[in-house]
Protein backbone atom coordinates (compact mmCIF):
# COMPACT_ATOMS: atom_id res chain seq x y z
CA MET A 1 -1.71 -58.59 -12.50
CA PRO A 2 0.85 -60.71 -14.46
CA ARG A 3 2.30 -57.38 -15.84
CA TYR A 4 2.61 -56.01 -12.35
CA VAL A 5 4.32 -59.25 -11.06
CA ALA A 6 6.70 -59.11 -14.05
CA LEU A 7 7.67 -55.49 -13.32
CA ARG A 8 8.23 -56.22 -9.68
CA LEU A 9 10.43 -59.18 -10.43
CA ALA A 10 12.45 -57.12 -12.94
CA ALA A 11 12.92 -54.39 -10.24
CA THR A 12 14.33 -56.86 -7.77
CA MET A 13 17.17 -57.89 -10.07
CA PRO A 14 19.27 -54.80 -9.36
CA VAL A 15 18.55 -55.10 -5.77
CA LEU A 16 19.84 -58.67 -5.54
CA ALA A 17 22.89 -57.76 -7.59
CA GLY A 18 23.68 -54.85 -5.23
CA VAL A 19 23.16 -57.03 -2.18
CA SER A 20 25.48 -59.73 -3.52
CA ILE A 21 28.27 -57.18 -4.03
CA VAL A 22 27.93 -55.45 -0.68
CA LEU A 23 27.57 -58.91 1.08
CA PHE A 24 30.76 -60.20 -0.58
CA ALA A 25 32.70 -57.08 0.34
CA LEU A 26 31.48 -56.91 3.87
CA ILE A 27 32.33 -60.39 4.70
CA ARG A 28 35.85 -59.92 3.54
CA LEU A 29 36.14 -56.99 6.06
CA ILE A 30 35.47 -59.42 9.12
CA PRO A 31 38.83 -59.65 10.96
CA GLY A 32 40.69 -62.90 10.77
CA ASP A 33 41.53 -65.49 8.07
CA PRO A 34 39.22 -68.52 7.80
CA SER A 35 42.02 -70.72 6.55
CA HIS A 36 44.11 -69.73 9.61
CA ALA A 37 41.23 -70.62 11.99
CA ILE A 38 40.60 -74.02 10.24
CA LEU A 39 44.34 -74.82 10.37
CA MET A 40 44.82 -73.88 14.00
CA SER A 41 41.90 -76.08 14.94
CA MET A 42 43.54 -79.10 13.44
CA ALA A 43 47.18 -78.44 14.21
CA ASP A 44 49.13 -79.89 17.13
CA PRO A 45 50.29 -77.50 19.91
CA GLY A 46 53.95 -78.15 19.15
CA ALA A 47 53.80 -78.05 15.42
CA ASP A 48 56.66 -76.51 13.44
CA MET A 49 55.81 -72.86 12.46
CA SER A 50 57.50 -73.04 8.99
CA ARG A 51 55.51 -76.18 8.25
CA LEU A 52 52.31 -74.41 9.39
CA ARG A 53 53.05 -71.40 7.15
CA GLU A 54 53.48 -73.81 4.16
CA ASP A 55 50.25 -75.64 5.05
CA LEU A 56 48.48 -72.24 5.44
CA ARG A 57 49.52 -71.30 1.86
CA THR A 58 48.32 -74.68 0.58
CA LEU A 59 44.98 -74.37 2.33
CA ARG A 60 44.43 -70.83 1.09
CA ALA A 61 44.98 -72.07 -2.41
CA GLU A 62 42.63 -74.97 -1.97
CA LEU A 63 39.84 -72.66 -0.66
CA GLY A 64 40.54 -70.17 -3.44
CA LEU A 65 41.37 -67.33 -0.94
CA ASP A 66 44.64 -66.53 -2.75
CA ARG A 67 42.88 -65.34 -5.85
CA PRO A 68 41.89 -61.72 -6.44
CA TYR A 69 38.64 -60.60 -5.00
CA ALA A 70 36.99 -59.97 -8.34
CA THR A 71 37.85 -63.46 -9.35
CA GLN A 72 36.38 -64.85 -6.16
CA TYR A 73 33.17 -62.86 -6.63
CA LEU A 74 32.64 -63.86 -10.25
CA SER A 75 33.32 -67.50 -9.33
CA TRP A 76 30.72 -67.33 -6.48
CA LEU A 77 28.21 -65.48 -8.74
CA GLY A 78 28.59 -68.10 -11.47
CA GLY A 79 27.83 -70.78 -8.95
CA ILE A 80 24.79 -68.98 -7.67
CA LEU A 81 23.43 -68.67 -11.28
CA SER A 82 23.82 -72.49 -11.65
CA GLY A 83 22.13 -73.20 -8.27
CA ASP A 84 25.36 -73.69 -6.31
CA LEU A 85 25.80 -71.67 -3.17
CA GLY A 86 29.32 -72.92 -2.62
CA THR A 87 30.96 -75.47 -0.26
CA SER A 88 31.49 -74.94 3.45
CA MET A 89 35.08 -74.37 4.37
CA ARG A 90 34.76 -76.23 7.61
CA SER A 91 32.63 -79.25 6.79
CA GLY A 92 33.34 -79.66 3.06
CA GLU A 93 29.59 -80.09 2.33
CA PRO A 94 27.54 -78.02 -0.02
CA VAL A 95 26.01 -74.99 1.63
CA LEU A 96 22.71 -75.46 0.02
CA ARG A 97 22.49 -79.06 1.22
CA GLU A 98 23.37 -78.02 4.87
CA ILE A 99 20.77 -75.15 4.81
CA LEU A 100 18.06 -77.45 3.53
CA ALA A 101 18.91 -80.01 6.16
CA ARG A 102 18.33 -77.48 8.81
CA ALA A 103 15.41 -75.59 7.26
CA PRO A 104 12.64 -77.96 8.59
CA ALA A 105 13.75 -77.14 12.13
CA THR A 106 13.57 -73.39 11.53
CA ALA A 107 10.26 -73.77 9.67
CA GLU A 108 8.82 -75.73 12.59
CA LEU A 109 9.93 -72.99 14.98
CA ALA A 110 8.56 -70.21 12.67
CA GLY A 111 5.22 -72.06 12.39
CA ALA A 112 4.97 -72.27 16.13
CA ALA A 113 5.85 -68.63 16.57
CA LEU A 114 3.16 -67.51 14.02
CA VAL A 115 0.56 -69.60 15.78
CA VAL A 116 1.49 -67.89 19.11
CA MET A 117 1.48 -64.51 17.44
CA VAL A 118 -1.97 -65.03 15.97
CA VAL A 119 -3.44 -66.41 19.18
CA VAL A 120 -2.08 -63.48 21.31
CA ALA A 121 -2.31 -60.56 18.80
CA ALA A 122 -5.78 -61.14 17.31
CA PRO A 123 -7.78 -61.39 20.54
CA THR A 124 -5.92 -58.52 22.28
CA ALA A 125 -6.27 -56.24 19.22
CA ILE A 126 -10.05 -57.00 18.78
CA ALA A 127 -10.83 -56.74 22.57
CA GLY A 128 -8.80 -53.44 22.66
CA ALA A 129 -10.62 -51.97 19.66
CA VAL A 130 -14.10 -53.04 20.75
CA ARG A 131 -13.51 -52.02 24.39
CA HIS A 132 -11.50 -48.97 23.58
CA GLY A 133 -10.21 -47.37 26.78
CA GLY A 134 -11.43 -50.21 28.93
CA LEU A 135 -9.51 -52.79 31.14
CA ALA A 136 -9.11 -55.17 28.19
CA ASP A 137 -7.64 -52.44 26.07
CA ARG A 138 -5.12 -51.38 28.78
CA VAL A 139 -4.07 -54.91 29.43
CA GLY A 140 -3.61 -55.51 25.76
CA ARG A 141 -1.46 -52.47 25.30
CA VAL A 142 0.81 -53.52 28.16
CA VAL A 143 1.21 -56.94 26.63
CA ALA A 144 1.92 -55.55 23.18
CA LEU A 145 4.48 -53.01 24.63
CA ALA A 146 6.13 -55.75 26.49
CA GLY A 147 6.43 -57.90 23.37
CA VAL A 148 7.92 -55.00 21.46
CA CYS A 149 10.37 -53.77 24.13
CA VAL A 150 11.65 -56.95 25.80
CA PRO A 151 14.60 -58.46 23.94
CA GLY A 152 14.16 -62.13 22.80
CA PHE A 153 17.26 -63.40 24.66
CA LEU A 154 15.90 -61.86 27.94
CA SER A 155 12.31 -63.16 27.53
CA GLY A 156 13.80 -66.58 26.60
CA MET A 157 15.87 -66.77 29.72
CA LEU A 158 12.92 -65.66 31.82
CA PHE A 159 10.82 -68.46 30.35
CA VAL A 160 13.50 -70.93 31.03
CA TYR A 161 13.72 -69.89 34.65
CA ALA A 162 9.87 -69.84 35.00
CA PHE A 163 9.00 -73.17 33.29
CA ALA A 164 12.15 -75.19 33.21
CA VAL A 165 14.78 -74.49 35.88
CA GLY A 166 12.29 -74.10 38.79
CA PRO A 167 9.42 -76.48 38.19
CA GLY A 168 11.13 -78.59 35.46
CA TRP A 169 7.94 -78.75 33.31
CA LEU A 170 9.65 -78.07 29.98
CA PRO A 171 12.99 -78.88 28.37
CA THR A 172 15.41 -76.00 27.77
CA SER A 173 17.36 -77.16 24.75
CA GLY A 174 17.33 -79.49 21.77
CA ARG A 175 14.57 -80.58 19.32
CA GLY A 176 12.49 -83.52 20.10
CA GLY A 177 8.74 -83.67 20.85
CA LEU A 178 6.25 -80.89 21.13
CA ALA A 179 7.51 -79.97 24.54
CA HIS A 180 10.86 -78.90 23.11
CA LEU A 181 9.04 -76.41 20.86
CA VAL A 182 6.95 -74.59 23.48
CA LEU A 183 9.53 -72.30 24.95
CA PRO A 184 11.23 -71.33 21.71
CA GLY A 185 7.91 -70.78 19.92
CA LEU A 186 6.56 -68.82 22.88
CA THR A 187 9.57 -66.60 23.01
CA LEU A 188 9.59 -65.76 19.31
CA GLY A 189 5.86 -65.59 18.93
CA LEU A 190 5.39 -63.12 21.79
CA ALA A 191 8.07 -60.83 20.34
CA LEU A 192 6.15 -60.75 16.93
CA ALA A 193 2.75 -60.40 18.62
CA GLY A 194 3.44 -57.02 20.19
CA GLY A 195 3.80 -55.02 16.99
CA THR A 196 1.12 -56.96 15.10
CA SER A 197 -1.34 -56.45 17.97
CA ARG A 198 -0.77 -52.61 17.97
CA LEU A 199 -1.11 -52.36 14.23
CA LEU A 200 -4.26 -54.53 14.04
CA ARG A 201 -5.79 -52.53 16.93
CA ALA A 202 -5.16 -49.23 15.17
CA GLY A 203 -6.68 -50.65 11.97
CA LEU A 204 -9.75 -51.89 13.73
CA LEU A 205 -10.23 -48.54 15.48
CA ASP A 206 -10.12 -46.76 12.15
CA ALA A 207 -12.47 -49.31 10.51
CA LEU A 208 -14.96 -49.15 13.30
CA SER A 209 -15.21 -45.36 12.86
CA GLN A 210 -16.30 -45.53 9.25
CA THR A 211 -19.87 -44.86 8.08
CA TYR A 212 -20.42 -48.38 6.73
CA ILE A 213 -20.26 -49.71 10.35
CA VAL A 214 -23.07 -47.36 11.25
CA THR A 215 -24.98 -48.62 8.20
CA ALA A 216 -24.39 -52.24 9.26
CA GLU A 217 -25.63 -51.52 12.74
CA ALA A 218 -28.71 -49.86 11.33
CA LYS A 219 -29.48 -52.93 9.38
CA GLY A 220 -29.53 -54.98 12.53
CA LEU A 221 -26.41 -57.06 11.95
CA PRO A 222 -24.94 -58.65 15.08
CA TRP A 223 -21.96 -56.83 16.56
CA ARG A 224 -19.82 -59.94 16.23
CA VAL A 225 -20.59 -60.10 12.53
CA ILE A 226 -19.78 -56.43 12.05
CA VAL A 227 -16.41 -56.71 13.75
CA LEU A 228 -15.25 -60.05 12.40
CA ARG A 229 -16.65 -59.93 8.86
CA HIS A 230 -16.54 -56.28 8.05
CA ALA A 231 -14.13 -54.25 10.29
CA LEU A 232 -11.60 -56.95 10.55
CA ARG A 233 -11.39 -57.49 6.78
CA ASN A 234 -10.70 -53.74 6.28
CA ALA A 235 -8.21 -53.67 9.14
CA LEU A 236 -5.96 -56.45 7.65
CA PRO A 237 -4.36 -54.55 4.67
CA PRO A 238 -2.05 -52.49 6.96
CA VAL A 239 -1.15 -55.73 8.79
CA LEU A 240 -0.45 -57.45 5.57
CA THR A 241 1.73 -54.52 4.37
CA ASN A 242 3.78 -55.17 7.51
CA SER A 243 4.38 -58.80 6.61
CA GLY A 244 7.78 -57.92 5.09
CA LEU A 245 9.00 -56.45 8.37
CA LEU A 246 7.37 -59.39 10.10
CA ALA A 247 9.32 -61.86 7.95
CA GLY A 248 12.54 -59.93 8.83
CA GLY A 249 11.71 -60.05 12.54
CA LEU A 250 11.03 -63.82 12.16
CA LEU A 251 14.24 -64.62 10.44
CA GLY A 252 16.33 -62.33 12.70
CA GLY A 253 14.59 -63.48 15.85
CA SER A 254 14.97 -67.17 14.98
CA VAL A 255 18.87 -66.66 15.07
CA ILE A 256 18.70 -65.38 18.69
CA VAL A 257 16.05 -67.97 19.84
CA GLU A 258 17.81 -70.89 18.22
CA THR A 259 20.99 -69.99 19.96
CA VAL A 260 19.41 -69.45 23.39
CA PHE A 261 17.55 -72.83 23.25
CA SER A 262 20.22 -74.67 21.21
CA TRP A 263 17.56 -75.32 18.45
CA PRO A 264 19.27 -77.05 15.52
CA GLY A 265 17.99 -74.75 12.81
CA VAL A 266 19.43 -72.47 10.30
CA GLY A 267 19.78 -69.53 12.75
CA ARG A 268 22.14 -71.55 14.96
CA TYR A 269 23.94 -72.75 11.92
CA ILE A 270 24.80 -69.18 10.81
CA VAL A 271 26.00 -68.19 14.20
CA ASP A 272 28.48 -71.06 14.12
CA ALA A 273 29.49 -70.12 10.67
CA ILE A 274 30.16 -66.48 11.67
CA GLY A 275 32.32 -67.77 14.59
CA GLY A 276 34.31 -69.97 12.22
CA ARG A 277 34.46 -67.27 9.46
CA ASP A 278 33.03 -69.65 7.00
CA TYR A 279 32.58 -67.35 4.02
CA PRO A 280 30.50 -69.55 1.68
CA VAL A 281 28.07 -70.39 4.48
CA ILE A 282 27.55 -66.70 5.50
CA GLN A 283 27.20 -65.64 1.89
CA GLY A 284 24.78 -68.39 1.09
CA PHE A 285 22.62 -67.91 4.06
CA THR A 286 22.42 -64.14 3.74
CA LEU A 287 21.50 -64.49 0.04
CA VAL A 288 18.78 -67.05 0.79
CA MET A 289 17.35 -64.81 3.46
CA THR A 290 17.38 -61.86 1.09
CA LEU A 291 15.55 -63.88 -1.57
CA THR A 292 13.03 -64.96 1.08
CA TYR A 293 12.41 -61.36 2.17
CA VAL A 294 12.02 -60.25 -1.43
CA ALA A 295 9.51 -62.98 -2.13
CA VAL A 296 7.50 -62.23 1.01
CA ASN A 297 7.37 -58.59 0.03
CA LEU A 298 6.20 -59.45 -3.44
CA LEU A 299 3.48 -61.78 -2.07
CA THR A 300 2.48 -59.01 0.36
CA ASP A 301 2.05 -56.55 -2.43
CA ILE A 302 -0.10 -58.97 -4.47
CA GLY A 303 -2.13 -59.87 -1.37
CA TYR A 304 -2.71 -56.12 -0.66
CA ARG A 305 -4.01 -55.54 -4.17
CA VAL A 306 -6.38 -58.49 -3.78
CA LEU A 307 -7.78 -57.31 -0.35
CA ASP A 308 -8.06 -53.64 -1.25
CA PRO A 309 -9.92 -52.91 -4.53
CA ARG A 310 -8.92 -49.28 -4.42
CA VAL A 311 -5.22 -50.28 -5.13
CA ARG A 312 -6.27 -52.34 -8.11
CA VAL A 313 -8.31 -49.42 -9.50
CA GLU A 314 -5.45 -47.01 -9.07
CA GLY A 315 -3.01 -49.43 -10.68
CA THR A 316 -5.09 -49.57 -13.83
CA ARG A 317 -5.24 -45.85 -14.38
CA PRO A 318 -2.90 -44.41 -17.07
């Protein structure tokens, strides 16, 4: 196992290097000059244009935007290797500090979404597999399909109208008590539950058709034990394999949900940074998300090898 982890870590290095180059180049293709946007936000309406042009040159030099792209990239890469993601062009604060300050809010939203996903996906998948073709299966498939197909911003607005605008039961924005977390967590969690439920249901149907299930029934084991202890365990590896895509959906969905509900997390932070063309923030955020995605996939592969002995056996063969 340590050798496998070391090989996987070594394989991610070229990926991260390629991502950093592509990321740096694509951000520079965004129309507009961040220094111009910053200067115009601070300038008086009647300011002298010649003075503004001089201030613009000065600001570009301060931000390092007048240097060649290769120099800018190597400077940014050197900062990353020393643990520095750069400094925000708009706030003047270190990007890593600003991301860490907003990370608890995003982690709180992600935790609530995962709870909703498990609470919705697991029962619907188990009921659908056990009562295959029945009413519970049909209802579960409709719920899963709705979770997959309905965009997050649309379901979020529907929840706002149903639970906040009309009856006024729940707040629609901000981060405070548990009530503020219900609608964002529900919106993001249901979007994740659809695909997870369909995948788990398919895995359970395959597991329940295996001969060891017949053997367990012949031994007189209760059906609940057969499903939850034996079939569910063997249906989990495909779901675990999908954790990488799930993490991507969680990170991408949080951007939309945080914007809709004005949740003060990292997702809303990056939306504001894109609008302000804050290069260091966009680069730092994307790199952190890439590292998170790579780490989740590595942990997923390790977990898959732990759950499925066949993978461990195949990995030891010459």
